[in-house]
Amino acid sequence: ELLEQRAAELDLLVMPEADESEEEALF
């Protein structure tokens, strides 16, 4: 939850790599 909140603060947009979930890519 802390990582998700921090990512939201930074307004991060990511593209998952192969075999990577969107959450894993965000972290």
mmCIF file of all heavy atoms, coordinates in Angstrom:
data_MODEL
# 
_entry.id   MODEL 
# 
loop_
_atom_site.group_PDB 
_atom_site.id 
_atom_site.type_symbol 
_atom_site.label_atom_id 
_atom_site.label_alt_id 
_atom_site.label_comp_id 
_atom_site.label_asym_id 
_atom_site.label_entity_id 
_atom_site.label_seq_id 
_atom_site.pdbx_PDB_ins_code 
_atom_site.Cartn_x 
_atom_site.Cartn_y 
_atom_site.Cartn_z 
_atom_site.occupancy 
_atom_site.B_iso_or_equiv 
_atom_site.pdbx_formal_charge 
_atom_site.auth_seq_id 
_atom_site.auth_comp_id 
_atom_site.auth_asym_id 
_atom_site.auth_atom_id 
_atom_site.pdbx_PDB_model_num 
ATOM 1   N N   . GLU A 1 1  ? 0.828  -1.209  0.000   1.00 0.00 ? 1  GLU A N   1 
ATOM 2   C CA  . GLU A 1 1  ? 0.000  0.000   0.000   1.00 0.00 ? 1  GLU A CA  1 
ATOM 3   C C   . GLU A 1 1  ? 0.864  1.262   0.000   1.00 0.00 ? 1  GLU A C   1 
ATOM 4   O O   . GLU A 1 1  ? 0.573  2.235   -0.703  1.00 0.00 ? 1  GLU A O   1 
ATOM 5   C CB  . GLU A 1 1  ? -0.932 -0.006  1.210   1.00 0.00 ? 1  GLU A CB  1 
ATOM 6   C CG  . GLU A 1 1  ? -1.827 1.211   1.342   1.00 0.00 ? 1  GLU A CG  1 
ATOM 7   C CD  . GLU A 1 1  ? -2.807 1.365   0.199   1.00 0.00 ? 1  GLU A CD  1 
ATOM 8   O OE1 . GLU A 1 1  ? -3.221 0.335   -0.380  1.00 0.00 ? 1  GLU A OE1 1 
ATOM 9   O OE2 . GLU A 1 1  ? -3.171 2.527   -0.110  1.00 0.00 ? 1  GLU A OE2 1 
ATOM 10  N N   . LEU A 1 2  ? 1.939  1.249   0.779   1.00 0.00 ? 2  LEU A N   1 
ATOM 11  C CA  . LEU A 1 2  ? 2.827  2.403   0.813   1.00 0.00 ? 2  LEU A CA  1 
ATOM 12  C C   . LEU A 1 2  ? 3.465  2.656   -0.543  1.00 0.00 ? 2  LEU A C   1 
ATOM 13  O O   . LEU A 1 2  ? 3.596  3.812   -0.984  1.00 0.00 ? 2  LEU A O   1 
ATOM 14  C CB  . LEU A 1 2  ? 3.916  2.200   1.872   1.00 0.00 ? 2  LEU A CB  1 
ATOM 15  C CG  . LEU A 1 2  ? 3.474  2.312   3.335   1.00 0.00 ? 2  LEU A CG  1 
ATOM 16  C CD1 . LEU A 1 2  ? 4.598  1.877   4.265   1.00 0.00 ? 2  LEU A CD1 1 
ATOM 17  C CD2 . LEU A 1 2  ? 3.034  3.742   3.652   1.00 0.00 ? 2  LEU A CD2 1 
ATOM 18  N N   . LEU A 1 3  ? 3.876  1.591   -1.221  1.00 0.00 ? 3  LEU A N   1 
ATOM 19  C CA  . LEU A 1 3  ? 4.467  1.749   -2.547  1.00 0.00 ? 3  LEU A CA  1 
ATOM 20  C C   . LEU A 1 3  ? 3.451  2.270   -3.550  1.00 0.00 ? 3  LEU A C   1 
ATOM 21  O O   . LEU A 1 3  ? 3.763  3.133   -4.385  1.00 0.00 ? 3  LEU A O   1 
ATOM 22  C CB  . LEU A 1 3  ? 5.048  0.414   -3.023  1.00 0.00 ? 3  LEU A CB  1 
ATOM 23  C CG  . LEU A 1 3  ? 6.286  -0.083  -2.269  1.00 0.00 ? 3  LEU A CG  1 
ATOM 24  C CD1 . LEU A 1 3  ? 6.622  -1.518  -2.667  1.00 0.00 ? 3  LEU A CD1 1 
ATOM 25  C CD2 . LEU A 1 3  ? 7.482  0.827   -2.527  1.00 0.00 ? 3  LEU A CD2 1 
ATOM 26  N N   . GLU A 1 4  ? 2.238  1.759   -3.471  1.00 0.00 ? 4  GLU A N   1 
ATOM 27  C CA  . GLU A 1 4  ? 1.190  2.234   -4.377  1.00 0.00 ? 4  GLU A CA  1 
ATOM 28  C C   . GLU A 1 4  ? 0.874  3.706   -4.123  1.00 0.00 ? 4  GLU A C   1 
ATOM 29  O O   . GLU A 1 4  ? 0.680  4.492   -5.066  1.00 0.00 ? 4  GLU A O   1 
ATOM 30  C CB  . GLU A 1 4  ? -0.067 1.382   -4.216  1.00 0.00 ? 4  GLU A CB  1 
ATOM 31  C CG  . GLU A 1 4  ? 0.083  -0.034  -4.767  1.00 0.00 ? 4  GLU A CG  1 
ATOM 32  C CD  . GLU A 1 4  ? -1.155 -0.878  -4.534  1.00 0.00 ? 4  GLU A CD  1 
ATOM 33  O OE1 . GLU A 1 4  ? -2.063 -0.403  -3.798  1.00 0.00 ? 4  GLU A OE1 1 
ATOM 34  O OE2 . GLU A 1 4  ? -1.230 -1.995  -5.079  1.00 0.00 ? 4  GLU A OE2 1 
ATOM 35  N N   . GLN A 1 5  ? 0.827  4.090   -2.856  1.00 0.00 ? 5  GLN A N   1 
ATOM 36  C CA  . GLN A 1 5  ? 0.549  5.486   -2.539  1.00 0.00 ? 5  GLN A CA  1 
ATOM 37  C C   . GLN A 1 5  ? 1.670  6.396   -3.027  1.00 0.00 ? 5  GLN A C   1 
ATOM 38  O O   . GLN A 1 5  ? 1.423  7.478   -3.561  1.00 0.00 ? 5  GLN A O   1 
ATOM 39  C CB  . GLN A 1 5  ? 0.339  5.650   -1.036  1.00 0.00 ? 5  GLN A CB  1 
ATOM 40  C CG  . GLN A 1 5  ? -0.948 5.020   -0.516  1.00 0.00 ? 5  GLN A CG  1 
ATOM 41  C CD  . GLN A 1 5  ? -1.126 5.230   0.973   1.00 0.00 ? 5  GLN A CD  1 
ATOM 42  O OE1 . GLN A 1 5  ? -0.448 6.039   1.595   1.00 0.00 ? 5  GLN A OE1 1 
ATOM 43  N NE2 . GLN A 1 5  ? -2.066 4.486   1.568   1.00 0.00 ? 5  GLN A NE2 1 
ATOM 44  N N   . ARG A 1 6  ? 2.924  5.952   -2.852  1.00 0.00 ? 6  ARG A N   1 
ATOM 45  C CA  . ARG A 1 6  ? 4.044  6.772   -3.312  1.00 0.00 ? 6  ARG A CA  1 
ATOM 46  C C   . ARG A 1 6  ? 4.060  6.884   -4.829  1.00 0.00 ? 6  ARG A C   1 
ATOM 47  O O   . ARG A 1 6  ? 4.332  7.955   -5.391  1.00 0.00 ? 6  ARG A O   1 
ATOM 48  C CB  . ARG A 1 6  ? 5.360  6.168   -2.809  1.00 0.00 ? 6  ARG A CB  1 
ATOM 49  C CG  . ARG A 1 6  ? 6.606  6.946   -3.211  1.00 0.00 ? 6  ARG A CG  1 
ATOM 50  C CD  . ARG A 1 6  ? 6.571  8.376   -2.707  1.00 0.00 ? 6  ARG A CD  1 
ATOM 51  N NE  . ARG A 1 6  ? 7.749  9.115   -3.150  1.00 0.00 ? 6  ARG A NE  1 
ATOM 52  C CZ  . ARG A 1 6  ? 7.894  10.433  -3.016  1.00 0.00 ? 6  ARG A CZ  1 
ATOM 53  N NH1 . ARG A 1 6  ? 6.923  11.152  -2.443  1.00 0.00 ? 6  ARG A NH1 1 
ATOM 54  N NH2 . ARG A 1 6  ? 8.988  11.029  -3.447  1.00 0.00 ? 6  ARG A NH2 1 
ATOM 55  N N   . ALA A 1 7  ? 3.767  5.793   -5.524  1.00 0.00 ? 7  ALA A N   1 
ATOM 56  C CA  . ALA A 1 7  ? 3.718  5.819   -6.980  1.00 0.00 ? 7  ALA A CA  1 
ATOM 57  C C   . ALA A 1 7  ? 2.624  6.766   -7.464  1.00 0.00 ? 7  ALA A C   1 
ATOM 58  O O   . ALA A 1 7  ? 2.799  7.487   -8.448  1.00 0.00 ? 7  ALA A O   1 
ATOM 59  C CB  . ALA A 1 7  ? 3.488  4.417   -7.524  1.00 0.00 ? 7  ALA A CB  1 
ATOM 60  N N   . ALA A 1 8  ? 1.495  6.772   -6.752  1.00 0.00 ? 8  ALA A N   1 
ATOM 61  C CA  . ALA A 1 8  ? 0.406  7.688   -7.120  1.00 0.00 ? 8  ALA A CA  1 
ATOM 62  C C   . ALA A 1 8  ? 0.822  9.145   -6.912  1.00 0.00 ? 8  ALA A C   1 
ATOM 63  O O   . ALA A 1 8  ? 0.489  10.015  -7.720  1.00 0.00 ? 8  ALA A O   1 
ATOM 64  C CB  . ALA A 1 8  ? -0.842 7.360   -6.304  1.00 0.00 ? 8  ALA A CB  1 
ATOM 65  N N   . GLU A 1 9  ? 1.565  9.404   -5.823  1.00 0.00 ? 9  GLU A N   1 
ATOM 66  C CA  . GLU A 1 9  ? 2.054  10.765  -5.576  1.00 0.00 ? 9  GLU A CA  1 
ATOM 67  C C   . GLU A 1 9  ? 2.926  11.257  -6.721  1.00 0.00 ? 9  GLU A C   1 
ATOM 68  O O   . GLU A 1 9  ? 2.889  12.430  -7.098  1.00 0.00 ? 9  GLU A O   1 
ATOM 69  C CB  . GLU A 1 9  ? 2.866  10.809  -4.284  1.00 0.00 ? 9  GLU A CB  1 
ATOM 70  C CG  . GLU A 1 9  ? 2.055  10.655  -3.010  1.00 0.00 ? 9  GLU A CG  1 
ATOM 71  C CD  . GLU A 1 9  ? 2.969  10.627  -1.786  1.00 0.00 ? 9  GLU A CD  1 
ATOM 72  O OE1 . GLU A 1 9  ? 4.156  11.017  -1.919  1.00 0.00 ? 9  GLU A OE1 1 
ATOM 73  O OE2 . GLU A 1 9  ? 2.511  10.200  -0.717  1.00 0.00 ? 9  GLU A OE2 1 
ATOM 74  N N   . LEU A 1 10 ? 3.724  10.360  -7.275  1.00 0.00 ? 10 LEU A N   1 
ATOM 75  C CA  . LEU A 1 10 ? 4.640  10.728  -8.354  1.00 0.00 ? 10 LEU A CA  1 
ATOM 76  C C   . LEU A 1 10 ? 3.987  10.638  -9.722  1.00 0.00 ? 10 LEU A C   1 
ATOM 77  O O   . LEU A 1 10 ? 4.611  10.994  -10.728 1.00 0.00 ? 10 LEU A O   1 
ATOM 78  C CB  . LEU A 1 10 ? 5.868  9.807   -8.315  1.00 0.00 ? 10 LEU A CB  1 
ATOM 79  C CG  . LEU A 1 10 ? 6.710  9.878   -7.037  1.00 0.00 ? 10 LEU A CG  1 
ATOM 80  C CD1 . LEU A 1 10 ? 7.799  8.807   -7.056  1.00 0.00 ? 10 LEU A CD1 1 
ATOM 81  C CD2 . LEU A 1 10 ? 7.334  11.253  -6.869  1.00 0.00 ? 10 LEU A CD2 1 
ATOM 82  N N   . ASP A 1 11 ? 2.737  10.163  -9.758  1.00 0.00 ? 11 ASP A N   1 
ATOM 83  C CA  . ASP A 1 11 ? 1.999  10.031  -11.011 1.00 0.00 ? 11 ASP A CA  1 
ATOM 84  C C   . ASP A 1 11 ? 2.787  9.212   -12.031 1.00 0.00 ? 11 ASP A C   1 
ATOM 85  O O   . ASP A 1 11 ? 2.953  9.611   -13.183 1.00 0.00 ? 11 ASP A O   1 
ATOM 86  C CB  . ASP A 1 11 ? 1.669  11.411  -11.585 1.00 0.00 ? 11 ASP A CB  1 
ATOM 87  C CG  . ASP A 1 11 ? 0.558  11.337  -12.637 1.00 0.00 ? 11 ASP A CG  1 
ATOM 88  O OD1 . ASP A 1 11 ? -0.220 10.361  -12.614 1.00 0.00 ? 11 ASP A OD1 1 
ATOM 89  O OD2 . ASP A 1 11 ? 0.497  12.248  -13.499 1.00 0.00 ? 11 ASP A OD2 1 
ATOM 90  N N   . LEU A 1 12 ? 3.281  8.048   -11.577 1.00 0.00 ? 12 LEU A N   1 
ATOM 91  C CA  . LEU A 1 12 ? 4.099  7.212   -12.447 1.00 0.00 ? 12 LEU A CA  1 
ATOM 92  C C   . LEU A 1 12 ? 3.249  6.476   -13.475 1.00 0.00 ? 12 LEU A C   1 
ATOM 93  O O   . LEU A 1 12 ? 2.189  5.932   -13.169 1.00 0.00 ? 12 LEU A O   1 
ATOM 94  C CB  . LEU A 1 12 ? 4.866  6.180   -11.616 1.00 0.00 ? 12 LEU A CB  1 
ATOM 95  C CG  . LEU A 1 12 ? 5.985  6.692   -10.714 1.00 0.00 ? 12 LEU A CG  1 
ATOM 96  C CD1 . LEU A 1 12 ? 6.670  5.522   -10.029 1.00 0.00 ? 12 LEU A CD1 1 
ATOM 97  C CD2 . LEU A 1 12 ? 6.997  7.512   -11.496 1.00 0.00 ? 12 LEU A CD2 1 
ATOM 98  N N   . LEU A 1 13 ? 3.739  6.470   -14.700 1.00 0.00 ? 13 LEU A N   1 
ATOM 99  C CA  . LEU A 1 13 ? 3.145  5.679   -15.771 1.00 0.00 ? 13 LEU A CA  1 
ATOM 100 C C   . LEU A 1 13 ? 4.211  4.715   -16.272 1.00 0.00 ? 13 LEU A C   1 
ATOM 101 O O   . LEU A 1 13 ? 5.329  5.129   -16.595 1.00 0.00 ? 13 LEU A O   1 
ATOM 102 C CB  . LEU A 1 13 ? 2.667  6.577   -16.910 1.00 0.00 ? 13 LEU A CB  1 
ATOM 103 C CG  . LEU A 1 13 ? 1.544  7.559   -16.564 1.00 0.00 ? 13 LEU A CG  1 
ATOM 104 C CD1 . LEU A 1 13 ? 1.248  8.460   -17.760 1.00 0.00 ? 13 LEU A CD1 1 
ATOM 105 C CD2 . LEU A 1 13 ? 0.288  6.805   -16.144 1.00 0.00 ? 13 LEU A CD2 1 
ATOM 106 N N   . VAL A 1 14 ? 3.885  3.442   -16.338 1.00 0.00 ? 14 VAL A N   1 
ATOM 107 C CA  . VAL A 1 14 ? 4.888  2.451   -16.703 1.00 0.00 ? 14 VAL A CA  1 
ATOM 108 C C   . VAL A 1 14 ? 4.350  1.510   -17.771 1.00 0.00 ? 14 VAL A C   1 
ATOM 109 O O   . VAL A 1 14 ? 3.132  1.368   -17.955 1.00 0.00 ? 14 VAL A O   1 
ATOM 110 C CB  . VAL A 1 14 ? 5.321  1.621   -15.481 1.00 0.00 ? 14 VAL A CB  1 
ATOM 111 C CG1 . VAL A 1 14 ? 5.928  2.516   -14.420 1.00 0.00 ? 14 VAL A CG1 1 
ATOM 112 C CG2 . VAL A 1 14 ? 4.150  0.830   -14.913 1.00 0.00 ? 14 VAL A CG2 1 
ATOM 113 N N   . MET A 1 15 ? 5.291  0.861   -18.468 1.00 0.00 ? 15 MET A N   1 
ATOM 114 C CA  . MET A 1 15 ? 4.963  -0.179  -19.434 1.00 0.00 ? 15 MET A CA  1 
ATOM 115 C C   . MET A 1 15 ? 5.582  -1.484  -18.939 1.00 0.00 ? 15 MET A C   1 
ATOM 116 O O   . MET A 1 15 ? 6.806  -1.595  -18.845 1.00 0.00 ? 15 MET A O   1 
ATOM 117 C CB  . MET A 1 15 ? 5.520  0.169   -20.805 1.00 0.00 ? 15 MET A CB  1 
ATOM 118 C CG  . MET A 1 15 ? 4.819  1.348   -21.465 1.00 0.00 ? 15 MET A CG  1 
ATOM 119 S SD  . MET A 1 15 ? 3.098  0.948   -21.888 1.00 0.00 ? 15 MET A SD  1 
ATOM 120 C CE  . MET A 1 15 ? 3.353  -0.291  -23.139 1.00 0.00 ? 15 MET A CE  1 
ATOM 121 N N   . PRO A 1 16 ? 4.772  -2.466  -18.561 1.00 0.00 ? 16 PRO A N   1 
ATOM 122 C CA  . PRO A 1 16 ? 5.321  -3.734  -18.064 1.00 0.00 ? 16 PRO A CA  1 
ATOM 123 C C   . PRO A 1 16 ? 6.216  -4.408  -19.095 1.00 0.00 ? 16 PRO A C   1 
ATOM 124 O O   . PRO A 1 16 ? 5.957  -4.359  -20.304 1.00 0.00 ? 16 PRO A O   1 
ATOM 125 C CB  . PRO A 1 16 ? 4.070  -4.577  -17.794 1.00 0.00 ? 16 PRO A CB  1 
ATOM 126 C CG  . PRO A 1 16 ? 2.968  -3.574  -17.619 1.00 0.00 ? 16 PRO A CG  1 
ATOM 127 C CD  . PRO A 1 16 ? 3.306  -2.445  -18.545 1.00 0.00 ? 16 PRO A CD  1 
ATOM 128 N N   . GLU A 1 17 ? 7.284  -5.027  -18.589 1.00 0.00 ? 17 GLU A N   1 
ATOM 129 C CA  . GLU A 1 17 ? 8.157  -5.810  -19.438 1.00 0.00 ? 17 GLU A CA  1 
ATOM 130 C C   . GLU A 1 17 ? 7.586  -7.215  -19.586 1.00 0.00 ? 17 GLU A C   1 
ATOM 131 O O   . GLU A 1 17 ? 6.541  -7.534  -19.019 1.00 0.00 ? 17 GLU A O   1 
ATOM 132 C CB  . GLU A 1 17 ? 9.565  -5.852  -18.835 1.00 0.00 ? 17 GLU A CB  1 
ATOM 133 C CG  . GLU A 1 17 ? 10.220 -4.477  -18.757 1.00 0.00 ? 17 GLU A CG  1 
ATOM 134 C CD  . GLU A 1 17 ? 11.602 -4.532  -18.131 1.00 0.00 ? 17 GLU A CD  1 
ATOM 135 O OE1 . GLU A 1 17 ? 11.952 -5.601  -17.568 1.00 0.00 ? 17 GLU A OE1 1 
ATOM 136 O OE2 . GLU A 1 17 ? 12.317 -3.515  -18.190 1.00 0.00 ? 17 GLU A OE2 1 
ATOM 137 N N   . ALA A 1 18 ? 8.258  -8.043  -20.353 1.00 0.00 ? 18 ALA A N   1 
ATOM 138 C CA  . ALA A 1 18 ? 7.773  -9.409  -20.582 1.00 0.00 ? 18 ALA A CA  1 
ATOM 139 C C   . ALA A 1 18 ? 7.628  -10.153 -19.260 1.00 0.00 ? 18 ALA A C   1 
ATOM 140 O O   . ALA A 1 18 ? 8.496  -10.066 -18.386 1.00 0.00 ? 18 ALA A O   1 
ATOM 141 C CB  . ALA A 1 18 ? 8.746  -10.157 -21.494 1.00 0.00 ? 18 ALA A CB  1 
ATOM 142 N N   . ASP A 1 19 ? 6.523  -10.888 -19.097 1.00 0.00 ? 19 ASP A N   1 
ATOM 143 C CA  . ASP A 1 19 ? 6.254  -11.692 -17.901 1.00 0.00 ? 19 ASP A CA  1 
ATOM 144 C C   . ASP A 1 19 ? 6.226  -10.842 -16.630 1.00 0.00 ? 19 ASP A C   1 
ATOM 145 O O   . ASP A 1 19 ? 6.569  -11.321 -15.540 1.00 0.00 ? 19 ASP A O   1 
ATOM 146 C CB  . ASP A 1 19 ? 7.288  -12.814 -17.741 1.00 0.00 ? 19 ASP A CB  1 
ATOM 147 C CG  . ASP A 1 19 ? 7.285  -13.769 -18.922 1.00 0.00 ? 19 ASP A CG  1 
ATOM 148 O OD1 . ASP A 1 19 ? 6.195  -14.021 -19.455 1.00 0.00 ? 19 ASP A OD1 1 
ATOM 149 O OD2 . ASP A 1 19 ? 8.365  -14.246 -19.305 1.00 0.00 ? 19 ASP A OD2 1 
ATOM 150 N N   . GLU A 1 20 ? 5.815  -9.605  -16.742 1.00 0.00 ? 20 GLU A N   1 
ATOM 151 C CA  . GLU A 1 20 ? 5.773  -8.700  -15.596 1.00 0.00 ? 20 GLU A CA  1 
ATOM 152 C C   . GLU A 1 20 ? 4.378  -8.111  -15.487 1.00 0.00 ? 20 GLU A C   1 
ATOM 153 O O   . GLU A 1 20 ? 3.827  -7.617  -16.467 1.00 0.00 ? 20 GLU A O   1 
ATOM 154 C CB  . GLU A 1 20 ? 6.813  -7.590  -15.776 1.00 0.00 ? 20 GLU A CB  1 
ATOM 155 C CG  . GLU A 1 20 ? 6.954  -6.662  -14.582 1.00 0.00 ? 20 GLU A CG  1 
ATOM 156 C CD  . GLU A 1 20 ? 7.996  -5.589  -14.833 1.00 0.00 ? 20 GLU A CD  1 
ATOM 157 O OE1 . GLU A 1 20 ? 7.985  -4.976  -15.917 1.00 0.00 ? 20 GLU A OE1 1 
ATOM 158 O OE2 . GLU A 1 20 ? 8.819  -5.351  -13.930 1.00 0.00 ? 20 GLU A OE2 1 
ATOM 159 N N   . SER A 1 21 ? 3.790  -8.165  -14.286 1.00 0.00 ? 21 SER A N   1 
ATOM 160 C CA  . SER A 1 21 ? 2.478  -7.577  -14.084 1.00 0.00 ? 21 SER A CA  1 
ATOM 161 C C   . SER A 1 21 ? 2.589  -6.058  -14.009 1.00 0.00 ? 21 SER A C   1 
ATOM 162 O O   . SER A 1 21 ? 3.687  -5.510  -13.830 1.00 0.00 ? 21 SER A O   1 
ATOM 163 C CB  . SER A 1 21 ? 1.844  -8.109  -12.801 1.00 0.00 ? 21 SER A CB  1 
ATOM 164 O OG  . SER A 1 21 ? 2.553  -7.620  -11.668 1.00 0.00 ? 21 SER A OG  1 
ATOM 165 N N   . GLU A 1 22 ? 1.467  -5.378  -14.131 1.00 0.00 ? 22 GLU A N   1 
ATOM 166 C CA  . GLU A 1 22 ? 1.475  -3.912  -14.051 1.00 0.00 ? 22 GLU A CA  1 
ATOM 167 C C   . GLU A 1 22 ? 1.942  -3.451  -12.672 1.00 0.00 ? 22 GLU A C   1 
ATOM 168 O O   . GLU A 1 22 ? 2.678  -2.471  -12.553 1.00 0.00 ? 22 GLU A O   1 
ATOM 169 C CB  . GLU A 1 22 ? 0.074  -3.358  -14.341 1.00 0.00 ? 22 GLU A CB  1 
ATOM 170 C CG  . GLU A 1 22 ? 0.032  -1.843  -14.418 1.00 0.00 ? 22 GLU A CG  1 
ATOM 171 C CD  . GLU A 1 22 ? -1.308 -1.326  -14.907 1.00 0.00 ? 22 GLU A CD  1 
ATOM 172 O OE1 . GLU A 1 22 ? -2.080 -2.114  -15.486 1.00 0.00 ? 22 GLU A OE1 1 
ATOM 173 O OE2 . GLU A 1 22 ? -1.586 -0.125  -14.716 1.00 0.00 ? 22 GLU A OE2 1 
ATOM 174 N N   . GLU A 1 23 ? 1.527  -4.192  -11.638 1.00 0.00 ? 23 GLU A N   1 
ATOM 175 C CA  . GLU A 1 23 ? 1.949  -3.838  -10.278 1.00 0.00 ? 23 GLU A CA  1 
ATOM 176 C C   . GLU A 1 23 ? 3.453  -4.022  -10.124 1.00 0.00 ? 23 GLU A C   1 
ATOM 177 O O   . GLU A 1 23 ? 4.133  -3.162  -9.560  1.00 0.00 ? 23 GLU A O   1 
ATOM 178 C CB  . GLU A 1 23 ? 1.212  -4.708  -9.270  1.00 0.00 ? 23 GLU A CB  1 
ATOM 179 C CG  . GLU A 1 23 ? 1.577  -4.405  -7.826  1.00 0.00 ? 23 GLU A CG  1 
ATOM 180 C CD  . GLU A 1 23 ? 0.864  -5.323  -6.854  1.00 0.00 ? 23 GLU A CD  1 
ATOM 181 O OE1 . GLU A 1 23 ? 1.234  -6.515  -6.776  1.00 0.00 ? 23 GLU A OE1 1 
ATOM 182 O OE2 . GLU A 1 23 ? -0.055 -4.844  -6.179  1.00 0.00 ? 23 GLU A OE2 1 
ATOM 183 N N   . GLU A 1 24 ? 3.990  -5.133  -10.625 1.00 0.00 ? 24 GLU A N   1 
ATOM 184 C CA  . GLU A 1 24 ? 5.429  -5.364  -10.552 1.00 0.00 ? 24 GLU A CA  1 
ATOM 185 C C   . GLU A 1 24 ? 6.198  -4.293  -11.302 1.00 0.00 ? 24 GLU A C   1 
ATOM 186 O O   . GLU A 1 24 ? 7.252  -3.819  -10.845 1.00 0.00 ? 24 GLU A O   1 
ATOM 187 C CB  . GLU A 1 24 ? 5.759  -6.749  -11.111 1.00 0.00 ? 24 GLU A CB  1 
ATOM 188 C CG  . GLU A 1 24 ? 5.286  -7.900  -10.230 1.00 0.00 ? 24 GLU A CG  1 
ATOM 189 C CD  . GLU A 1 24 ? 5.411  -9.245  -10.923 1.00 0.00 ? 24 GLU A CD  1 
ATOM 190 O OE1 . GLU A 1 24 ? 5.466  -9.277  -12.172 1.00 0.00 ? 24 GLU A OE1 1 
ATOM 191 O OE2 . GLU A 1 24 ? 5.440  -10.269 -10.218 1.00 0.00 ? 24 GLU A OE2 1 
ATOM 192 N N   . ALA A 1 25 ? 5.690  -3.906  -12.454 1.00 0.00 ? 25 ALA A N   1 
ATOM 193 C CA  . ALA A 1 25 ? 6.352  -2.859  -13.233 1.00 0.00 ? 25 ALA A CA  1 
ATOM 194 C C   . ALA A 1 25 ? 6.331  -1.530  -12.493 1.00 0.00 ? 25 ALA A C   1 
ATOM 195 O O   . ALA A 1 25 ? 7.324  -0.788  -12.487 1.00 0.00 ? 25 ALA A O   1 
ATOM 196 C CB  . ALA A 1 25 ? 5.676  -2.716  -14.591 1.00 0.00 ? 25 ALA A CB  1 
ATOM 197 N N   . LEU A 1 26 ? 5.208  -1.235  -11.846 1.00 0.00 ? 26 LEU A N   1 
ATOM 198 C CA  . LEU A 1 26 ? 5.090  0.020   -11.108 1.00 0.00 ? 26 LEU A CA  1 
ATOM 199 C C   . LEU A 1 26 ? 6.100  0.071   -9.965  1.00 0.00 ? 26 LEU A C   1 
ATOM 200 O O   . LEU A 1 26 ? 6.794  1.082   -9.774  1.00 0.00 ? 26 LEU A O   1 
ATOM 201 C CB  . LEU A 1 26 ? 3.671  0.164   -10.560 1.00 0.00 ? 26 LEU A CB  1 
ATOM 202 C CG  . LEU A 1 26 ? 3.297  1.519   -9.952  1.00 0.00 ? 26 LEU A CG  1 
ATOM 203 C CD1 . LEU A 1 26 ? 3.287  2.599   -11.023 1.00 0.00 ? 26 LEU A CD1 1 
ATOM 204 C CD2 . LEU A 1 26 ? 1.939  1.437   -9.272  1.00 0.00 ? 26 LEU A CD2 1 
ATOM 205 N N   . PHE A 1 27 ? 6.214  -1.017  -9.232  1.00 0.00 ? 27 PHE A N   1 
ATOM 206 C CA  . PHE A 1 27 ? 7.159  -1.057  -8.120  1.00 0.00 ? 27 PHE A CA  1 
ATOM 207 C C   . PHE A 1 27 ? 8.606  -1.004  -8.625  1.00 0.00 ? 27 PHE A C   1 
ATOM 208 O O   . PHE A 1 27 ? 9.458  -0.353  -8.025  1.00 0.00 ? 27 PHE A O   1 
ATOM 209 C CB  . PHE A 1 27 ? 6.932  -2.314  -7.282  1.00 0.00 ? 27 PHE A CB  1 
ATOM 210 C CG  . PHE A 1 27 ? 5.609  -2.347  -6.572  1.00 0.00 ? 27 PHE A CG  1 
ATOM 211 C CD1 . PHE A 1 27 ? 5.126  -3.520  -6.015  1.00 0.00 ? 27 PHE A CD1 1 
ATOM 212 C CD2 . PHE A 1 27 ? 4.841  -1.193  -6.458  1.00 0.00 ? 27 PHE A CD2 1 
ATOM 213 C CE1 . PHE A 1 27 ? 3.902  -3.547  -5.361  1.00 0.00 ? 27 PHE A CE1 1 
ATOM 214 C CE2 . PHE A 1 27 ? 3.620  -1.211  -5.806  1.00 0.00 ? 27 PHE A CE2 1 
ATOM 215 C CZ  . PHE A 1 27 ? 3.141  -2.386  -5.258  1.00 0.00 ? 27 PHE A CZ  1 
# 
